[in-house]
PDB file of N, CA and C in Angstrom:
ATOM      1  N   MET A   1      14.335 -15.193 -18.225  1.00  0.00           N
ATOM      2  CA  MET A   1      15.806 -14.771 -17.628  1.00  0.00           C
ATOM      3  C   MET A   1      16.029 -15.678 -16.288  1.00  0.00           C
ATOM      4  N   THR A   2      17.371 -16.123 -16.156  1.00  0.00           N
ATOM      5  CA  THR A   2      17.631 -17.070 -15.167  1.00  0.00           C
ATOM      6  C   THR A   2      17.672 -16.068 -13.789  1.00  0.00           C
ATOM      7  N   LEU A   3      17.627 -16.767 -12.650  1.00  0.00           N
ATOM      8  CA  LEU A   3      17.723 -16.157 -11.445  1.00  0.00           C
ATOM      9  C   LEU A   3      19.295 -15.379 -11.225  1.00  0.00           C
ATOM     10  N   ASP A   4      20.118 -15.961 -11.856  1.00  0.00           N
ATOM     11  CA  ASP A   4      21.355 -15.256 -11.966  1.00  0.00           C
ATOM     12  C   ASP A   4      21.433 -13.864 -12.641  1.00  0.00           C
ATOM     13  N   GLY A   5      20.583 -13.432 -13.227  1.00  0.00           N
ATOM     14  CA  GLY A   5      20.543 -12.260 -13.920  1.00  0.00           C
ATOM     15  C   GLY A   5      19.541 -11.353 -13.132  1.00  0.00           C
ATOM     16  N   LEU A   6      18.866 -11.889 -12.135  1.00  0.00           N
ATOM     17  CA  LEU A   6      17.767 -11.092 -11.574  1.00  0.00           C
ATOM     18  C   LEU A   6      18.330  -9.823 -10.814  1.00  0.00           C
ATOM     19  N   GLU A   7      17.975  -8.462 -11.027  1.00  0.00           N
ATOM     20  CA  GLU A   7      18.564  -7.232 -10.176  1.00  0.00           C
ATOM     21  C   GLU A   7      18.326  -7.478  -8.672  1.00  0.00           C
ATOM     22  N   TYR A   8      19.124  -6.882  -8.095  1.00  0.00           N
ATOM     23  CA  TYR A   8      18.854  -6.759  -6.485  1.00  0.00           C
ATOM     24  C   TYR A   8      17.408  -6.267  -5.985  1.00  0.00           C
ATOM     25  N   ASP A   9      17.009  -6.975  -5.330  1.00  0.00           N
ATOM     26  CA  ASP A   9      15.643  -6.622  -4.554  1.00  0.00           C
ATOM     27  C   ASP A   9      14.563  -6.593  -5.576  1.00  0.00           C
ATOM     28  N   ARG A  10      14.568  -7.308  -6.610  1.00  0.00           N
ATOM     29  CA  ARG A  10      13.398  -7.073  -7.696  1.00  0.00           C
ATOM     30  C   ARG A  10      12.616  -8.607  -7.448  1.00  0.00           C
ATOM     31  N   PRO A  11      11.288  -8.256  -7.012  1.00  0.00           N
ATOM     32  CA  PRO A  11      10.424  -9.511  -7.011  1.00  0.00           C
ATOM     33  C   PRO A  11      10.272 -10.239  -8.304  1.00  0.00           C
ATOM     34  N   ALA A  12      10.422 -11.573  -8.211  1.00  0.00           N
ATOM     35  CA  ALA A  12      10.510 -12.495  -9.190  1.00  0.00           C
ATOM     36  C   ALA A  12       9.624 -13.476  -8.732  1.00  0.00           C
ATOM     37  N   ARG A  13       9.214 -14.522  -9.887  1.00  0.00           N
ATOM     38  CA  ARG A  13       8.570 -15.784  -9.730  1.00  0.00           C
ATOM     39  C   ARG A  13       9.288 -17.022 -10.413  1.00  0.00           C
ATOM     40  N   ILE A  14       9.426 -18.004  -9.648  1.00  0.00           N
ATOM     41  CA  ILE A  14      10.082 -18.949 -10.388  1.00  0.00           C
ATOM     42  C   ILE A  14       9.172 -19.741 -11.493  1.00  0.00           C
ATOM     43  N   VAL A  15       9.510 -19.605 -12.904  1.00  0.00           N
ATOM     44  CA  VAL A  15       8.562 -20.577 -13.669  1.00  0.00           C
ATOM     45  C   VAL A  15       9.265 -21.761 -14.088  1.00  0.00           C
ATOM     46  N   ALA A  16      10.352 -21.991 -14.154  1.00  0.00           N
ATOM     47  CA  ALA A  16      10.861 -23.351 -14.346  1.00  0.00           C
ATOM     48  C   ALA A  16      12.342 -23.721 -13.769  1.00  0.00           C
ATOM     49  N   VAL A  17      12.448 -24.789 -13.253  1.00  0.00           N
ATOM     50  CA  VAL A  17      13.791 -25.116 -12.712  1.00  0.00           C
ATOM     51  C   VAL A  17      14.180 -26.212 -13.739  1.00  0.00           C
ATOM     52  N   SER A  18      15.456 -26.289 -14.225  1.00  0.00           N
ATOM     53  CA  SER A  18      16.043 -27.344 -14.872  1.00  0.00           C
ATOM     54  C   SER A  18      16.644 -28.284 -13.925  1.00  0.00           C
ATOM     55  N   TRP A  19      15.977 -29.326 -13.471  1.00  0.00           N
ATOM     56  CA  TRP A  19      16.238 -30.179 -12.401  1.00  0.00           C
ATOM     57  C   TRP A  19      17.360 -31.044 -12.801  1.00  0.00           C
ATOM     58  N   ASP A  20      17.569 -31.287 -13.985  1.00  0.00           N
ATOM     59  CA  ASP A  20      18.475 -32.262 -14.420  1.00  0.00           C
ATOM     60  C   ASP A  20      20.080 -31.612 -14.702  1.00  0.00           C
ATOM     61  N   ARG A  21      19.834 -30.408 -14.469  1.00  0.00           N
ATOM     62  CA  ARG A  21      21.329 -29.516 -14.364  1.00  0.00           C
ATOM     63  C   ARG A  21      21.935 -29.671 -12.990  1.00  0.00           C
ATOM     64  N   LEU A  22      21.098 -30.157 -11.981  1.00  0.00           N
ATOM     65  CA  LEU A  22      21.575 -30.143 -10.563  1.00  0.00           C
ATOM     66  C   LEU A  22      21.797 -31.531 -10.194  1.00  0.00           C
ATOM     67  N   ALA A  23      22.798 -31.927  -9.301  1.00  0.00           N
ATOM     68  CA  ALA A  23      22.978 -33.190  -8.507  1.00  0.00           C
ATOM     69  C   ALA A  23      21.511 -33.401  -7.853  1.00  0.00           C
ATOM     70  N   SER A  24      21.383 -34.780  -7.870  1.00  0.00           N
ATOM     71  CA  SER A  24      19.871 -35.091  -7.023  1.00  0.00           C
ATOM     72  C   SER A  24      20.073 -34.841  -5.662  1.00  0.00           C
ATOM     73  N   ASP A  25      20.847 -34.759  -4.707  1.00  0.00           N
ATOM     74  CA  ASP A  25      20.825 -34.292  -3.497  1.00  0.00           C
ATOM     75  C   ASP A  25      20.893 -32.672  -3.439  1.00  0.00           C
ATOM     76  N   GLU A  26      21.330 -32.182  -4.163  1.00  0.00           N
ATOM     77  CA  GLU A  26      21.093 -30.526  -4.336  1.00  0.00           C
ATOM     78  C   GLU A  26      19.611 -30.129  -4.749  1.00  0.00           C
ATOM     79  N   ALA A  27      19.231 -31.047  -5.788  1.00  0.00           N
ATOM     80  CA  ALA A  27      17.935 -30.671  -6.040  1.00  0.00           C
ATOM     81  C   ALA A  27      16.866 -30.930  -4.919  1.00  0.00           C
ATOM     82  N   LYS A  28      17.131 -31.803  -4.249  1.00  0.00           N
ATOM     83  CA  LYS A  28      16.215 -32.354  -3.143  1.00  0.00           C
ATOM     84  C   LYS A  28      16.056 -31.402  -2.011  1.00  0.00           C
ATOM     85  N   ARG A  29      17.537 -31.026  -1.780  1.00  0.00           N
ATOM     86  CA  ARG A  29      17.529 -29.662  -0.564  1.00  0.00           C
ATOM     87  C   ARG A  29      16.739 -28.363  -1.070  1.00  0.00           C
ATOM     88  N   LEU A  30      17.094 -28.075  -2.324  1.00  0.00           N
ATOM     89  CA  LEU A  30      16.383 -26.593  -2.933  1.00  0.00           C
ATOM     90  C   LEU A  30      14.786 -27.205  -2.787  1.00  0.00           C
ATOM     91  N   ARG A  31      14.308 -28.093  -3.272  1.00  0.00           N
ATOM     92  CA  ARG A  31      12.782 -28.399  -2.973  1.00  0.00           C
ATOM     93  C   ARG A  31      12.363 -28.467  -1.678  1.00  0.00           C
ATOM     94  N   ALA A  32      13.250 -28.795  -0.854  1.00  0.00           N
ATOM     95  CA  ALA A  32      12.707 -28.906   0.546  1.00  0.00           C
ATOM     96  C   ALA A  32      12.771 -27.478   1.100  1.00  0.00           C
ATOM     97  N   LEU A  33      13.625 -26.530   0.484  1.00  0.00           N
ATOM     98  CA  LEU A  33      13.637 -25.054   1.210  1.00  0.00           C
ATOM     99  C   LEU A  33      12.564 -24.428   0.265  1.00  0.00           C
ATOM    100  N   GLY A  34      11.782 -24.876  -0.536  1.00  0.00           N
ATOM    101  CA  GLY A  34      10.632 -24.018  -1.083  1.00  0.00           C
ATOM    102  C   GLY A  34      11.027 -23.590  -2.526  1.00  0.00           C
ATOM    103  N   VAL A  35      12.237 -23.888  -3.054  1.00  0.00           N
ATOM    104  CA  VAL A  35      12.609 -23.425  -4.382  1.00  0.00           C
ATOM    105  C   VAL A  35      12.247 -24.308  -5.441  1.00  0.00           C
ATOM    106  N   ASP A  36      10.847 -23.801  -6.024  1.00  0.00           N
ATOM    107  CA  ASP A  36      10.348 -24.557  -7.088  1.00  0.00           C
ATOM    108  C   ASP A  36       9.344 -23.718  -7.646  1.00  0.00           C
ATOM    109  N   GLU A  37       8.597 -24.191  -8.954  1.00  0.00           N
ATOM    110  CA  GLU A  37       8.008 -23.438  -9.853  1.00  0.00           C
ATOM    111  C   GLU A  37       6.882 -22.745  -9.056  1.00  0.00           C
ATOM    112  N   GLY A  38       6.581 -21.469  -9.131  1.00  0.00           N
ATOM    113  CA  GLY A  38       5.695 -20.753  -8.657  1.00  0.00           C
ATOM    114  C   GLY A  38       5.924 -19.833  -7.246  1.00  0.00           C
ATOM    115  N   ALA A  39       7.018 -20.354  -6.796  1.00  0.00           N
ATOM    116  CA  ALA A  39       7.632 -19.548  -5.464  1.00  0.00           C
ATOM    117  C   ALA A  39       8.046 -18.363  -5.917  1.00  0.00           C
ATOM    118  N   GLU A  40       7.842 -17.292  -5.274  1.00  0.00           N
ATOM    119  CA  GLU A  40       8.390 -16.046  -5.118  1.00  0.00           C
ATOM    120  C   GLU A  40       9.413 -15.679  -4.611  1.00  0.00           C
ATOM    121  N   LEU A  41      10.372 -14.770  -4.940  1.00  0.00           N
ATOM    122  CA  LEU A  41      11.792 -14.577  -4.206  1.00  0.00           C
ATOM    123  C   LEU A  41      12.414 -13.150  -4.820  1.00  0.00           C
ATOM    124  N   ALA A  42      13.386 -12.821  -4.115  1.00  0.00           N
ATOM    125  CA  ALA A  42      14.189 -11.855  -4.661  1.00  0.00           C
ATOM    126  C   ALA A  42      15.630 -12.181  -4.027  1.00  0.00           C
ATOM    127  N   VAL A  43      16.609 -11.447  -4.915  1.00  0.00           N
ATOM    128  CA  VAL A  43      18.040 -11.528  -4.614  1.00  0.00           C
ATOM    129  C   VAL A  43      18.240 -10.524  -3.629  1.00  0.00           C
ATOM    130  N   ILE A  44      19.016 -10.626  -2.449  1.00  0.00           N
ATOM    131  CA  ILE A  44      18.950  -9.590  -1.336  1.00  0.00           C
ATOM    132  C   ILE A  44      20.674  -9.472  -1.363  1.00  0.00           C
ATOM    133  N   HIS A  45      21.401 -10.368  -1.846  1.00  0.00           N
ATOM    134  CA  HIS A  45      22.857 -10.089  -1.773  1.00  0.00           C
ATOM    135  C   HIS A  45      23.556 -10.906  -2.673  1.00  0.00           C
ATOM    136  N   ARG A  46      24.903 -10.450  -3.189  1.00  0.00           N
ATOM    137  CA  ARG A  46      25.600 -11.238  -4.122  1.00  0.00           C
ATOM    138  C   ARG A  46      26.941 -11.108  -3.411  1.00  0.00           C
ATOM    139  N   GLY A  47      27.864 -12.101  -3.550  1.00  0.00           N
ATOM    140  CA  GLY A  47      29.058 -12.413  -3.532  1.00  0.00           C
ATOM    141  C   GLY A  47      30.152 -11.119  -4.314  1.00  0.00           C
ATOM    142  N   VAL A  48      31.137 -10.720  -3.543  1.00  0.00           N
ATOM    143  CA  VAL A  48      31.673  -9.570  -4.108  1.00  0.00           C
ATOM    144  C   VAL A  48      33.014  -9.888  -5.099  1.00  0.00           C
ATOM    145  N   PHE A  49      33.400 -11.113  -5.122  1.00  0.00           N
ATOM    146  CA  PHE A  49      34.602 -11.540  -5.656  1.00  0.00           C
ATOM    147  C   PHE A  49      34.174 -12.038  -7.136  1.00  0.00           C
ATOM    148  N   GLY A  50      34.894 -12.510  -8.062  1.00  0.00           N
ATOM    149  CA  GLY A  50      34.828 -12.681  -9.548  1.00  0.00           C
ATOM    150  C   GLY A  50      33.527 -13.424  -9.945  1.00  0.00           C
ATOM    151  N   THR A  51      33.340 -14.659  -9.179  1.00  0.00           N
ATOM    152  CA  THR A  51      31.997 -15.420  -9.390  1.00  0.00           C
ATOM    153  C   THR A  51      30.823 -14.975  -8.978  1.00  0.00           C
ATOM    154  N   ARG A  52      30.995 -13.839  -8.061  1.00  0.00           N
ATOM    155  CA  ARG A  52      29.728 -13.190  -7.343  1.00  0.00           C
ATOM    156  C   ARG A  52      28.916 -14.402  -6.568  1.00  0.00           C
ATOM    157  N   ASP A  53      29.597 -15.417  -6.053  1.00  0.00           N
ATOM    158  CA  ASP A  53      28.993 -16.447  -5.320  1.00  0.00           C
ATOM    159  C   ASP A  53      29.112 -15.985  -3.932  1.00  0.00           C
ATOM    160  N   PRO A  54      28.271 -16.521  -3.121  1.00  0.00           N
ATOM    161  CA  PRO A  54      26.915 -16.944  -3.231  1.00  0.00           C
ATOM    162  C   PRO A  54      25.870 -15.817  -3.587  1.00  0.00           C
ATOM    163  N   LEU A  55      24.795 -15.951  -4.140  1.00  0.00           N
ATOM    164  CA  LEU A  55      23.508 -15.349  -4.046  1.00  0.00           C
ATOM    165  C   LEU A  55      22.859 -15.635  -2.626  1.00  0.00           C
ATOM    166  N   ALA A  56      22.277 -14.441  -1.934  1.00  0.00           N
ATOM    167  CA  ALA A  56      21.338 -14.630  -0.913  1.00  0.00           C
ATOM    168  C   ALA A  56      19.980 -14.305  -1.432  1.00  0.00           C
ATOM    169  N   LEU A  57      18.900 -15.304  -1.205  1.00  0.00           N
ATOM    170  CA  LEU A  57      17.697 -14.904  -1.746  1.00  0.00           C
ATOM    171  C   LEU A  57      16.658 -14.987  -0.487  1.00  0.00           C
ATOM    172  N   ARG A  58      15.553 -13.835  -0.566  1.00  0.00           N
ATOM    173  CA  ARG A  58      14.723 -13.940   0.320  1.00  0.00           C
ATOM    174  C   ARG A  58      13.450 -14.708  -0.233  1.00  0.00           C
ATOM    175  N   LEU A  59      12.980 -15.637   0.346  1.00  0.00           N
ATOM    176  CA  LEU A  59      12.288 -16.602  -0.092  1.00  0.00           C
ATOM    177  C   LEU A  59      11.166 -16.837   1.128  1.00  0.00           C
ATOM    178  N   GLY A  60      10.030 -15.967   0.943  1.00  0.00           N
ATOM    179  CA  GLY A  60       8.921 -16.260   2.148  1.00  0.00           C
ATOM    180  C   GLY A  60       9.711 -15.358   3.312  1.00  0.00           C
ATOM    181  N   ASN A  61       9.866 -15.948   4.336  1.00  0.00           N
ATOM    182  CA  ASN A  61      10.252 -15.448   5.747  1.00  0.00           C
ATOM    183  C   ASN A  61      11.901 -15.887   5.831  1.00  0.00           C
ATOM    184  N   MET A  62      12.254 -16.673   4.874  1.00  0.00           N
ATOM    185  CA  MET A  62      13.871 -17.400   4.811  1.00  0.00           C
ATOM    186  C   MET A  62      14.604 -16.536   4.049  1.00  0.00           C
ATOM    187  N   THR A  63      15.859 -16.515   4.569  1.00  0.00           N
ATOM    188  CA  THR A  63      17.114 -16.051   3.621  1.00  0.00           C
ATOM    189  C   THR A  63      17.858 -17.363   3.248  1.00  0.00           C
ATOM    190  N   ILE A  64      18.165 -17.534   2.211  1.00  0.00           N
ATOM    191  CA  ILE A  64      18.876 -18.652   1.752  1.00  0.00           C
ATOM    192  C   ILE A  64      19.814 -18.349   0.852  1.00  0.00           C
ATOM    193  N   ALA A  65      21.200 -19.070   0.991  1.00  0.00           N
ATOM    194  CA  ALA A  65      22.322 -18.950   0.122  1.00  0.00           C
ATOM    195  C   ALA A  65      22.247 -19.865  -0.985  1.00  0.00           C
ATOM    196  N   LEU A  66      22.500 -19.534  -2.375  1.00  0.00           N
ATOM    197  CA  LEU A  66      22.573 -20.323  -3.526  1.00  0.00           C
ATOM    198  C   LEU A  66      23.704 -20.096  -4.291  1.00  0.00           C
ATOM    199  N   ARG A  67      24.116 -21.198  -4.761  1.00  0.00           N
ATOM    200  CA  ARG A  67      25.415 -21.043  -5.728  1.00  0.00           C
ATOM    201  C   ARG A  67      24.835 -20.440  -7.138  1.00  0.00           C
ATOM    202  N   ARG A  68      25.786 -19.760  -7.702  1.00  0.00           N
ATOM    203  CA  ARG A  68      25.504 -19.268  -8.940  1.00  0.00           C
ATOM    204  C   ARG A  68      25.157 -20.178 -10.013  1.00  0.00           C
ATOM    205  N   SER A  69      25.666 -21.435  -9.795  1.00  0.00           N
ATOM    206  CA  SER A  69      25.682 -22.350 -10.762  1.00  0.00           C
ATOM    207  C   SER A  69      24.171 -23.058 -10.624  1.00  0.00           C
ATOM    208  N   HIS A  70      23.521 -22.918  -9.348  1.00  0.00           N
ATOM    209  CA  HIS A  70      22.216 -23.568  -9.235  1.00  0.00           C
ATOM    210  C   HIS A  70      21.382 -22.246  -9.892  1.00  0.00           C
ATOM    211  N   ALA A  71      21.433 -21.019  -9.652  1.00  0.00           N
ATOM    212  CA  ALA A  71      20.856 -20.157 -10.058  1.00  0.00           C
ATOM    213  C   ALA A  71      20.677 -20.058 -11.648  1.00  0.00           C
ATOM    214  N   LEU A  72      21.690 -20.420 -12.181  1.00  0.00           N
ATOM    215  CA  LEU A  72      21.614 -20.616 -13.669  1.00  0.00           C
ATOM    216  C   LEU A  72      20.611 -21.625 -14.099  1.00  0.00           C
ATOM    217  N   ALA A  73      20.291 -22.748 -13.202  1.00  0.00           N
ATOM    218  CA  ALA A  73      19.204 -23.637 -13.758  1.00  0.00           C
ATOM    219  C   ALA A  73      17.950 -23.046 -13.256  1.00  0.00           C
ATOM    220  N   ILE A  74      17.742 -21.888 -12.940  1.00  0.00           N
ATOM    221  CA  ILE A  74      16.303 -21.548 -12.363  1.00  0.00           C
ATOM    222  C   ILE A  74      15.731 -20.416 -13.102  1.00  0.00           C
ATOM    223  N   GLU A  75      14.659 -20.753 -14.013  1.00  0.00           N
ATOM    224  CA  GLU A  75      14.109 -19.413 -14.917  1.00  0.00           C
ATOM    225  C   GLU A  75      13.067 -18.771 -14.122  1.00  0.00           C
ATOM    226  N   VAL A  76      13.054 -17.224 -14.077  1.00  0.00           N
ATOM    227  CA  VAL A  76      12.237 -16.435 -13.238  1.00  0.00           C
ATOM    228  C   VAL A  76      11.524 -15.431 -14.226  1.00  0.00           C
ATOM    229  N   GLU A  77      10.317 -14.870 -13.693  1.00  0.00           N
ATOM    230  CA  GLU A  77       9.901 -13.901 -14.292  1.00  0.00           C
ATOM    231  C   GLU A  77       9.800 -12.802 -13.421  1.00  0.00           C
ATOM    232  N   LEU A  78       9.844 -11.323 -13.901  1.00  0.00           N
ATOM    233  CA  LEU A  78       9.540 -10.367 -12.973  1.00  0.00           C
ATOM    234  C   LEU A  78       8.127 -10.140 -12.484  1.00  0.00           C
ATOM    235  N   LEU A  79       7.896  -9.679 -11.191  1.00  0.00           N
ATOM    236  CA  LEU A  79       6.553  -9.411 -10.586  1.00  0.00           C
ATOM    237  C   LEU A  79       6.465  -7.844 -10.818  1.00  0.00           C
ATOM    238  N   ASP A  80       5.359  -7.413 -10.623  1.00  0.00           N
ATOM    239  CA  ASP A  80       4.844  -6.081 -10.758  1.00  0.00           C
ATOM    240  C   ASP A  80       5.180  -5.526  -9.270  1.00  0.00           C
ATOM    241  N   GLY A  81       5.184  -4.347  -9.125  1.00  0.00           N
ATOM    242  CA  GLY A  81       5.407  -3.736  -7.912  1.00  0.00           C
ATOM    243  C   GLY A  81       6.859  -3.363  -7.536  1.00  0.00           C
ATOM    244  N   GLY A  82       7.843  -3.435  -8.198  1.00  0.00           N
ATOM    245  CA  GLY A  82       9.122  -3.120  -7.879  1.00  0.00           C
ATOM    246  C   GLY A  82       9.665  -3.692  -6.777  1.00  0.00           C
ATOM    247  N   ALA A  83      10.455  -3.161  -5.708  1.00  0.00           N
ATOM    248  CA  ALA A  83      11.043  -3.818  -4.514  1.00  0.00           C
ATOM    249  C   ALA A  83      10.274  -3.945  -3.477  1.00  0.00           C
ATOM    250  N   SER A  84       9.165  -4.792  -3.470  1.00  0.00           N
ATOM    251  CA  SER A  84       8.210  -4.886  -2.468  1.00  0.00           C
ATOM    252  C   SER A  84       8.605  -6.407  -1.711  1.00  0.00           C
ATOM    253  N   GLU A  85       7.971  -6.454  -0.598  1.00  0.00           N
ATOM    254  CA  GLU A  85       8.104  -7.666   0.293  1.00  0.00           C
ATOM    255  C   GLU A  85       7.489  -8.779  -0.746  1.00  0.00           C
ATOM    256  N   VAL A  86       8.538 -10.136  -0.652  1.00  0.00           N
ATOM    257  CA  VAL A  86       8.092 -11.169  -1.229  1.00  0.00           C
ATOM    258  C   VAL A  86       7.728 -12.168  -0.605  1.00  0.00           C
ATOM    259  N   ALA A  87       6.470 -13.067  -0.903  1.00  0.00           N
ATOM    260  CA  ALA A  87       5.840 -14.104  -0.258  1.00  0.00           C
ATOM    261  C   ALA A  87       6.270 -15.475  -0.938  1.00  0.00           C
ATOM    262  N   ALA A  88       6.236 -16.276  -0.473  1.00  0.00           N
ATOM    263  CA  ALA A  88       6.341 -17.729  -1.068  1.00  0.00           C
ATOM    264  C   ALA A  88       4.895 -18.637  -1.122  1.00  0.00           C
TER     265      ALA A  88
END
């Protein structure tokens, strides 16, 4: 499943990122923030209008905003334990 389809506050792990679908400067920024394979995260907010942009993610101790188009390039797997605290 892609990050865009992840349910609210469900912990997940990034299993793959299609870096070629992102502009190089955007990919570099996301990597610098820790968005990469193996990172654990959860969606904590979605925009309310048609595109539901942006998504707010909890990644370790940070909250980051991500465009839906970026979230579509990120494959995640659900973690056990429901809506628990997520660590990076």
